[in-house]
Amino acid sequence: MTPLDRPDGDCLVLGYDRTDSSRWAAKWAASDLPANGKLVIVHACRPLHAPPSPLASAEERRQLGRAVIDELLLEGEDSLLDLEIEAEISDENPVAALVDAARKHGARAIVVGCEQHSRLHKAIGTVTSELLQASPVPVTVVPFPAATGATQSAVAG
């Protein structure tokens, strides 16, 4: 499905990991979508360069992911309640989960928050840097104001 195939409105895919920056990205995405828009909130249960945790089963990871998204919806912005929301919990790495969701839902863009990273993270790659290379749609990176002093987003694609 492509964005033009979606007759019932606009769709964005949001990467959500419970960080302040991903909460800020959720607020930005909700403000960017029209009233009939769809927000697909994706929580990946494993880190980018590591296998899933052996301390929890796939079902336990999905339950935790669902609780993380439920928390966002209960404590997040009221503007989220005006949208069609779909939650996806994935046992894939964040890049694969976001790209798959964008294709599946015909999203016009993927939205992620921006965190400051250590030199090691920068050397091995961050979700954002790998997403910019792998995404079939534009990627909007929303900086967290406390870290950057800015509220504007950078769009790449």
N, C-alpha and C. Protein backbone atom coordinates (compact mmCIF):
# COMPACT_ATOMS: atom_id res chain seq x y z
N MET A 1 0.85 -1.18 0.00
CA MET A 1 0.00 0.00 0.00
C MET A 1 0.90 1.24 0.00
N THR A 2 0.53 2.22 -0.78
CA THR A 2 1.26 3.48 -0.81
C THR A 2 0.41 4.55 -0.14
N PRO A 3 0.99 5.69 0.22
CA PRO A 3 0.20 6.76 0.83
C PRO A 3 -0.99 7.18 -0.01
N LEU A 4 -0.87 7.13 -1.33
CA LEU A 4 -1.96 7.54 -2.19
C LEU A 4 -3.09 6.51 -2.22
N ASP A 5 -2.79 5.27 -1.83
CA ASP A 5 -3.81 4.22 -1.80
C ASP A 5 -4.69 4.30 -0.56
N ARG A 6 -4.34 5.15 0.39
CA ARG A 6 -5.06 5.22 1.65
C ARG A 6 -6.19 6.23 1.52
N PRO A 7 -7.43 5.78 1.24
CA PRO A 7 -8.54 6.69 0.97
C PRO A 7 -9.10 7.39 2.20
N ASP A 8 -8.88 6.82 3.37
CA ASP A 8 -9.52 7.37 4.56
C ASP A 8 -8.66 8.36 5.32
N GLY A 9 -7.63 8.87 4.71
CA GLY A 9 -6.85 9.91 5.37
C GLY A 9 -5.36 9.61 5.39
N ASP A 10 -4.69 10.45 6.08
CA ASP A 10 -3.25 10.46 6.19
C ASP A 10 -2.79 9.43 7.22
N CYS A 11 -1.58 8.89 7.05
CA CYS A 11 -1.04 7.92 8.01
C CYS A 11 0.43 8.22 8.28
N LEU A 12 0.78 8.22 9.56
CA LEU A 12 2.16 8.31 10.00
C LEU A 12 2.48 7.10 10.86
N VAL A 13 3.72 6.65 10.81
CA VAL A 13 4.21 5.60 11.70
C VAL A 13 5.14 6.26 12.70
N LEU A 14 4.91 5.98 13.98
CA LEU A 14 5.70 6.56 15.06
C LEU A 14 6.49 5.48 15.76
N GLY A 15 7.80 5.69 15.89
CA GLY A 15 8.62 4.80 16.70
C GLY A 15 8.54 5.27 18.14
N TYR A 16 8.11 4.38 19.04
CA TYR A 16 7.92 4.78 20.44
C TYR A 16 8.66 3.83 21.37
N ASP A 17 9.51 4.40 22.24
CA ASP A 17 10.29 3.59 23.17
C ASP A 17 10.25 4.10 24.61
N ARG A 18 9.31 4.97 24.91
CA ARG A 18 9.06 5.50 26.26
C ARG A 18 10.05 6.57 26.68
N THR A 19 10.92 7.02 25.79
CA THR A 19 11.83 8.11 26.12
C THR A 19 11.09 9.44 25.99
N ASP A 20 11.66 10.47 26.61
CA ASP A 20 11.06 11.80 26.48
C ASP A 20 11.02 12.24 25.02
N SER A 21 12.06 11.90 24.27
CA SER A 21 12.09 12.32 22.86
C SER A 21 11.01 11.61 22.05
N SER A 22 10.72 10.35 22.36
CA SER A 22 9.66 9.67 21.61
C SER A 22 8.28 10.18 22.02
N ARG A 23 8.12 10.61 23.27
CA ARG A 23 6.86 11.25 23.68
C ARG A 23 6.67 12.56 22.93
N TRP A 24 7.75 13.32 22.79
CA TRP A 24 7.69 14.58 22.06
C TRP A 24 7.37 14.33 20.59
N ALA A 25 7.95 13.27 20.02
CA ALA A 25 7.66 12.91 18.63
C ALA A 25 6.18 12.52 18.47
N ALA A 26 5.62 11.85 19.48
CA ALA A 26 4.19 11.49 19.43
C ALA A 26 3.33 12.75 19.41
N LYS A 27 3.70 13.72 20.22
CA LYS A 27 2.96 15.00 20.25
C LYS A 27 3.06 15.68 18.88
N TRP A 28 4.25 15.70 18.30
CA TRP A 28 4.44 16.32 17.00
C TRP A 28 3.61 15.60 15.93
N ALA A 29 3.66 14.27 15.94
CA ALA A 29 2.92 13.49 14.93
C ALA A 29 1.42 13.75 15.05
N ALA A 30 0.91 13.79 16.28
CA ALA A 30 -0.53 14.04 16.48
C ALA A 30 -0.91 15.42 15.95
N SER A 31 -0.04 16.39 16.12
CA SER A 31 -0.35 17.74 15.63
C SER A 31 -0.22 17.84 14.11
N ASP A 32 0.55 16.96 13.50
CA ASP A 32 0.76 17.00 12.06
C ASP A 32 -0.33 16.29 11.27
N LEU A 33 -1.04 15.37 11.91
CA LEU A 33 -2.08 14.60 11.22
C LEU A 33 -3.42 15.33 11.23
N PRO A 34 -4.19 15.19 10.17
CA PRO A 34 -5.55 15.74 10.17
C PRO A 34 -6.46 14.90 11.07
N ALA A 35 -7.65 15.40 11.32
CA ALA A 35 -8.60 14.73 12.23
C ALA A 35 -8.90 13.29 11.80
N ASN A 36 -8.90 13.02 10.50
CA ASN A 36 -9.18 11.65 10.05
C ASN A 36 -7.91 10.84 9.86
N GLY A 37 -6.78 11.34 10.38
CA GLY A 37 -5.51 10.66 10.20
C GLY A 37 -5.35 9.44 11.07
N LYS A 38 -4.40 8.63 10.68
CA LYS A 38 -4.10 7.40 11.41
C LYS A 38 -2.66 7.45 11.89
N LEU A 39 -2.48 7.14 13.17
CA LEU A 39 -1.14 7.07 13.75
C LEU A 39 -0.89 5.63 14.15
N VAL A 40 0.13 5.04 13.55
CA VAL A 40 0.53 3.67 13.89
C VAL A 40 1.73 3.80 14.83
N ILE A 41 1.53 3.40 16.08
CA ILE A 41 2.58 3.49 17.09
C ILE A 41 3.28 2.14 17.16
N VAL A 42 4.58 2.15 16.88
CA VAL A 42 5.36 0.93 16.82
C VAL A 42 6.34 0.90 17.99
N HIS A 43 6.29 -0.20 18.74
CA HIS A 43 7.27 -0.43 19.80
C HIS A 43 8.03 -1.70 19.46
N ALA A 44 9.34 -1.57 19.27
CA ALA A 44 10.17 -2.73 18.99
C ALA A 44 10.72 -3.25 20.31
N CYS A 45 10.58 -4.54 20.51
CA CYS A 45 10.94 -5.16 21.79
C CYS A 45 12.41 -5.51 21.92
N ARG A 46 13.19 -5.19 20.94
CA ARG A 46 14.62 -5.49 21.06
C ARG A 46 15.44 -4.33 20.54
N PRO A 47 16.66 -4.21 21.02
CA PRO A 47 17.51 -3.12 20.55
C PRO A 47 17.99 -3.36 19.12
N LEU A 48 18.60 -2.35 18.55
CA LEU A 48 19.02 -2.40 17.16
C LEU A 48 20.07 -3.48 16.89
N HIS A 49 21.11 -3.52 17.67
CA HIS A 49 22.23 -4.42 17.38
C HIS A 49 22.35 -5.55 18.40
N ALA A 50 21.23 -6.12 18.80
CA ALA A 50 21.26 -7.19 19.79
C ALA A 50 20.06 -8.11 19.60
N PRO A 51 20.17 -9.32 20.08
CA PRO A 51 19.03 -10.23 20.00
C PRO A 51 17.99 -9.87 21.06
N PRO A 52 16.79 -10.43 20.96
CA PRO A 52 15.80 -10.21 22.00
C PRO A 52 16.32 -10.71 23.35
N SER A 53 15.84 -10.13 24.42
CA SER A 53 16.27 -10.52 25.75
C SER A 53 15.92 -11.97 26.03
N PRO A 54 16.89 -12.76 26.51
CA PRO A 54 16.59 -14.15 26.86
C PRO A 54 15.86 -14.26 28.20
N LEU A 55 15.73 -13.15 28.92
CA LEU A 55 15.09 -13.17 30.24
C LEU A 55 13.57 -13.08 30.16
N ALA A 56 13.05 -12.84 28.97
CA ALA A 56 11.60 -12.74 28.81
C ALA A 56 11.18 -13.46 27.53
N SER A 57 10.02 -14.08 27.57
CA SER A 57 9.50 -14.75 26.38
C SER A 57 8.97 -13.70 25.40
N ALA A 58 8.73 -14.12 24.18
CA ALA A 58 8.17 -13.21 23.18
C ALA A 58 6.84 -12.64 23.66
N GLU A 59 6.02 -13.46 24.28
CA GLU A 59 4.73 -12.99 24.79
C GLU A 59 4.91 -11.96 25.91
N GLU A 60 5.87 -12.18 26.79
CA GLU A 60 6.13 -11.22 27.86
C GLU A 60 6.64 -9.89 27.29
N ARG A 61 7.47 -9.96 26.26
CA ARG A 61 7.96 -8.73 25.61
C ARG A 61 6.80 -7.98 24.95
N ARG A 62 5.88 -8.72 24.31
CA ARG A 62 4.71 -8.07 23.68
C ARG A 62 3.82 -7.42 24.74
N GLN A 63 3.62 -8.09 25.86
CA GLN A 63 2.79 -7.53 26.93
C GLN A 63 3.41 -6.25 27.48
N LEU A 64 4.72 -6.25 27.66
CA LEU A 64 5.40 -5.04 28.13
C LEU A 64 5.27 -3.92 27.09
N GLY A 65 5.47 -4.26 25.83
CA GLY A 65 5.32 -3.27 24.76
C GLY A 65 3.92 -2.67 24.73
N ARG A 66 2.92 -3.52 24.90
CA ARG A 66 1.53 -3.05 24.93
C ARG A 66 1.31 -2.10 26.11
N ALA A 67 1.89 -2.44 27.26
CA ALA A 67 1.76 -1.58 28.45
C ALA A 67 2.44 -0.23 28.23
N VAL A 68 3.58 -0.23 27.53
CA VAL A 68 4.29 1.02 27.23
C VAL A 68 3.42 1.92 26.36
N ILE A 69 2.78 1.35 25.35
CA ILE A 69 1.92 2.15 24.47
C ILE A 69 0.65 2.58 25.19
N ASP A 70 0.08 1.70 26.00
CA ASP A 70 -1.11 2.07 26.79
C ASP A 70 -0.80 3.25 27.70
N GLU A 71 0.39 3.24 28.30
CA GLU A 71 0.80 4.34 29.17
C GLU A 71 0.84 5.65 28.39
N LEU A 72 1.38 5.62 27.18
CA LEU A 72 1.43 6.82 26.34
C LEU A 72 0.02 7.35 26.08
N LEU A 73 -0.89 6.45 25.75
CA LEU A 73 -2.25 6.87 25.43
C LEU A 73 -2.98 7.40 26.66
N LEU A 74 -2.71 6.84 27.83
CA LEU A 74 -3.38 7.29 29.06
C LEU A 74 -2.79 8.59 29.59
N GLU A 75 -1.48 8.76 29.47
CA GLU A 75 -0.82 9.92 30.06
C GLU A 75 -0.37 10.94 29.03
N GLY A 76 -0.52 10.63 27.76
CA GLY A 76 -0.02 11.49 26.71
C GLY A 76 -0.94 12.64 26.38
N GLU A 77 -0.67 13.23 25.27
CA GLU A 77 -1.41 14.39 24.79
C GLU A 77 -2.85 14.04 24.43
N ASP A 78 -3.77 14.94 24.73
CA ASP A 78 -5.17 14.73 24.34
C ASP A 78 -5.32 14.65 22.84
N SER A 79 -4.43 15.29 22.09
CA SER A 79 -4.53 15.27 20.63
C SER A 79 -4.40 13.85 20.08
N LEU A 80 -3.76 12.95 20.82
CA LEU A 80 -3.67 11.56 20.37
C LEU A 80 -5.04 10.90 20.34
N LEU A 81 -5.94 11.35 21.21
CA LEU A 81 -7.26 10.74 21.31
C LEU A 81 -8.17 11.10 20.14
N ASP A 82 -7.79 12.12 19.38
CA ASP A 82 -8.59 12.54 18.23
C ASP A 82 -8.26 11.77 16.96
N LEU A 83 -7.29 10.87 17.04
CA LEU A 83 -6.82 10.15 15.86
C LEU A 83 -7.22 8.68 15.90
N GLU A 84 -7.18 8.06 14.74
CA GLU A 84 -7.27 6.61 14.69
C GLU A 84 -5.88 6.10 15.09
N ILE A 85 -5.83 5.30 16.14
CA ILE A 85 -4.55 4.79 16.64
C ILE A 85 -4.49 3.29 16.42
N GLU A 86 -3.36 2.85 15.93
CA GLU A 86 -3.12 1.41 15.85
C GLU A 86 -1.75 1.16 16.47
N ALA A 87 -1.68 0.18 17.35
CA ALA A 87 -0.42 -0.15 18.01
C ALA A 87 0.14 -1.44 17.43
N GLU A 88 1.44 -1.44 17.20
CA GLU A 88 2.12 -2.64 16.73
C GLU A 88 3.31 -2.90 17.65
N ILE A 89 3.35 -4.10 18.18
CA ILE A 89 4.46 -4.53 19.03
C ILE A 89 5.24 -5.54 18.20
N SER A 90 6.54 -5.30 18.07
CA SER A 90 7.35 -6.15 17.20
C SER A 90 8.52 -6.75 17.96
N ASP A 91 8.85 -7.98 17.65
CA ASP A 91 10.05 -8.62 18.20
C ASP A 91 11.25 -8.40 17.27
N GLU A 92 11.05 -7.60 16.25
CA GLU A 92 12.13 -7.26 15.33
C GLU A 92 12.93 -6.08 15.89
N ASN A 93 14.03 -5.76 15.24
CA ASN A 93 14.77 -4.56 15.64
C ASN A 93 13.95 -3.34 15.22
N PRO A 94 14.21 -2.18 15.80
CA PRO A 94 13.37 -1.01 15.53
C PRO A 94 13.31 -0.60 14.05
N VAL A 95 14.41 -0.68 13.35
CA VAL A 95 14.43 -0.28 11.94
C VAL A 95 13.51 -1.18 11.11
N ALA A 96 13.66 -2.48 11.27
CA ALA A 96 12.81 -3.42 10.52
C ALA A 96 11.34 -3.25 10.89
N ALA A 97 11.06 -3.06 12.18
CA ALA A 97 9.68 -2.90 12.63
C ALA A 97 9.04 -1.65 12.03
N LEU A 98 9.77 -0.55 12.01
CA LEU A 98 9.23 0.71 11.48
C LEU A 98 9.05 0.66 9.96
N VAL A 99 10.02 0.10 9.27
CA VAL A 99 9.92 -0.01 7.80
C VAL A 99 8.76 -0.93 7.42
N ASP A 100 8.63 -2.06 8.12
CA ASP A 100 7.52 -2.98 7.84
C ASP A 100 6.17 -2.29 8.07
N ALA A 101 6.05 -1.56 9.17
CA ALA A 101 4.78 -0.87 9.48
C ALA A 101 4.48 0.20 8.43
N ALA A 102 5.48 0.94 7.99
CA ALA A 102 5.27 1.97 6.97
C ALA A 102 4.74 1.36 5.68
N ARG A 103 5.31 0.26 5.28
CA ARG A 103 4.85 -0.42 4.06
C ARG A 103 3.44 -0.97 4.24
N LYS A 104 3.21 -1.63 5.34
CA LYS A 104 1.92 -2.28 5.60
C LYS A 104 0.77 -1.29 5.63
N HIS A 105 1.00 -0.10 6.20
CA HIS A 105 -0.08 0.87 6.40
C HIS A 105 -0.09 1.99 5.35
N GLY A 106 0.83 1.96 4.40
CA GLY A 106 0.87 3.01 3.40
C GLY A 106 1.16 4.37 4.01
N ALA A 107 2.05 4.41 4.97
CA ALA A 107 2.38 5.66 5.67
C ALA A 107 3.06 6.64 4.74
N ARG A 108 2.81 7.93 4.98
CA ARG A 108 3.52 8.94 4.19
C ARG A 108 4.88 9.24 4.78
N ALA A 109 5.09 8.88 6.08
CA ALA A 109 6.38 9.14 6.73
C ALA A 109 6.49 8.32 8.01
N ILE A 110 7.73 8.18 8.47
CA ILE A 110 8.03 7.59 9.77
C ILE A 110 8.52 8.72 10.65
N VAL A 111 8.03 8.77 11.89
CA VAL A 111 8.41 9.82 12.84
C VAL A 111 9.12 9.19 14.02
N VAL A 112 10.29 9.72 14.36
CA VAL A 112 11.04 9.25 15.52
C VAL A 112 11.56 10.45 16.29
N GLY A 113 11.82 10.23 17.58
CA GLY A 113 12.44 11.26 18.40
C GLY A 113 13.95 11.22 18.23
N CYS A 114 14.59 12.25 18.74
CA CYS A 114 16.04 12.37 18.59
C CYS A 114 16.67 12.47 19.98
N GLU A 115 17.60 11.59 20.25
CA GLU A 115 18.34 11.56 21.52
C GLU A 115 19.81 11.86 21.26
N GLN A 116 20.48 12.39 22.25
CA GLN A 116 21.94 12.52 22.17
C GLN A 116 22.54 11.14 22.40
N HIS A 117 23.56 10.79 21.63
CA HIS A 117 24.15 9.47 21.74
C HIS A 117 25.64 9.56 22.02
N SER A 118 26.15 8.51 22.62
CA SER A 118 27.58 8.41 22.90
C SER A 118 28.36 8.18 21.60
N ARG A 119 29.66 8.30 21.68
CA ARG A 119 30.49 8.04 20.51
C ARG A 119 30.36 6.60 20.04
N LEU A 120 30.20 5.67 20.99
CA LEU A 120 30.04 4.27 20.62
C LEU A 120 28.77 4.07 19.81
N HIS A 121 27.65 4.65 20.27
CA HIS A 121 26.40 4.55 19.52
C HIS A 121 26.57 5.12 18.11
N LYS A 122 27.25 6.26 18.02
CA LYS A 122 27.44 6.88 16.71
C LYS A 122 28.30 6.00 15.81
N ALA A 123 29.27 5.30 16.40
CA ALA A 123 30.17 4.46 15.60
C ALA A 123 29.45 3.22 15.07
N ILE A 124 28.60 2.59 15.88
CA ILE A 124 27.93 1.37 15.42
C ILE A 124 26.61 1.66 14.72
N GLY A 125 26.14 2.88 14.83
CA GLY A 125 24.91 3.25 14.15
C GLY A 125 23.74 3.36 15.10
N THR A 126 22.91 4.35 14.86
CA THR A 126 21.72 4.55 15.67
C THR A 126 20.50 4.14 14.84
N VAL A 127 19.38 4.01 15.51
CA VAL A 127 18.14 3.69 14.81
C VAL A 127 17.89 4.75 13.73
N THR A 128 18.05 6.00 14.08
CA THR A 128 17.79 7.08 13.12
C THR A 128 18.69 6.97 11.89
N SER A 129 19.98 6.79 12.11
CA SER A 129 20.89 6.75 10.96
C SER A 129 20.60 5.55 10.06
N GLU A 130 20.28 4.40 10.64
CA GLU A 130 19.96 3.23 9.83
C GLU A 130 18.59 3.35 9.17
N LEU A 131 17.67 3.99 9.86
CA LEU A 131 16.33 4.20 9.31
C LEU A 131 16.39 5.11 8.09
N LEU A 132 17.23 6.13 8.14
CA LEU A 132 17.38 7.02 6.99
C LEU A 132 17.85 6.29 5.75
N GLN A 133 18.61 5.22 5.93
CA GLN A 133 19.09 4.44 4.79
C GLN A 133 18.08 3.41 4.32
N ALA A 134 17.27 2.87 5.24
CA ALA A 134 16.40 1.75 4.91
C ALA A 134 14.96 2.13 4.58
N SER A 135 14.53 3.30 4.98
CA SER A 135 13.11 3.65 4.87
C SER A 135 12.66 3.90 3.44
N PRO A 136 11.49 3.35 3.09
CA PRO A 136 10.92 3.60 1.76
C PRO A 136 10.14 4.92 1.71
N VAL A 137 9.97 5.57 2.85
CA VAL A 137 9.24 6.84 2.94
C VAL A 137 10.10 7.85 3.69
N PRO A 138 9.77 9.14 3.61
CA PRO A 138 10.55 10.13 4.37
C PRO A 138 10.54 9.82 5.87
N VAL A 139 11.61 10.22 6.53
CA VAL A 139 11.75 10.05 7.98
C VAL A 139 11.80 11.43 8.61
N THR A 140 10.92 11.67 9.56
CA THR A 140 10.92 12.94 10.28
C THR A 140 11.54 12.68 11.65
N VAL A 141 12.62 13.38 11.94
CA VAL A 141 13.32 13.26 13.21
C VAL A 141 12.99 14.49 14.04
N VAL A 142 12.30 14.27 15.16
CA VAL A 142 11.82 15.37 15.99
C VAL A 142 12.76 15.54 17.17
N PRO A 143 13.48 16.66 17.24
CA PRO A 143 14.39 16.86 18.36
C PRO A 143 13.62 17.18 19.64
N PHE A 144 14.14 16.72 20.75
CA PHE A 144 13.54 17.00 22.05
C PHE A 144 14.01 18.38 22.49
N PRO A 145 13.10 19.30 22.83
CA PRO A 145 13.48 20.67 23.13
C PRO A 145 14.48 20.83 24.27
N ALA A 146 14.42 20.03 25.30
CA ALA A 146 15.32 20.17 26.44
C ALA A 146 16.76 19.91 26.02
N ALA A 147 16.95 19.02 25.06
CA ALA A 147 18.29 18.68 24.62
C ALA A 147 18.81 19.65 23.56
N THR A 148 17.91 20.23 22.78
CA THR A 148 18.35 21.02 21.63
C THR A 148 17.97 22.48 21.71
N GLY A 149 16.98 22.79 22.53
CA GLY A 149 16.50 24.17 22.58
C GLY A 149 15.65 24.53 21.39
N ALA A 150 15.36 23.56 20.53
CA ALA A 150 14.56 23.82 19.32
C ALA A 150 13.32 22.94 19.32
N THR A 151 12.31 23.38 18.58
CA THR A 151 11.12 22.55 18.46
C THR A 151 10.81 22.21 17.01
N GLN A 152 11.68 22.59 16.10
CA GLN A 152 11.44 22.27 14.71
C GLN A 152 12.03 20.89 14.39
N SER A 153 11.46 20.23 13.42
CA SER A 153 11.94 18.91 13.06
C SER A 153 12.80 18.97 11.81
N ALA A 154 13.64 17.97 11.68
CA ALA A 154 14.43 17.81 10.46
C ALA A 154 13.77 16.69 9.68
N VAL A 155 13.60 16.89 8.40
CA VAL A 155 12.97 15.87 7.57
C VAL A 155 14.01 15.39 6.57
N ALA A 156 14.13 14.09 6.47
CA ALA A 156 15.03 13.50 5.49
C ALA A 156 14.25 12.45 4.71
N GLY A 157 14.64 12.17 3.55
CA GLY A 157 13.95 11.14 2.80
C GLY A 157 14.35 11.17 1.43
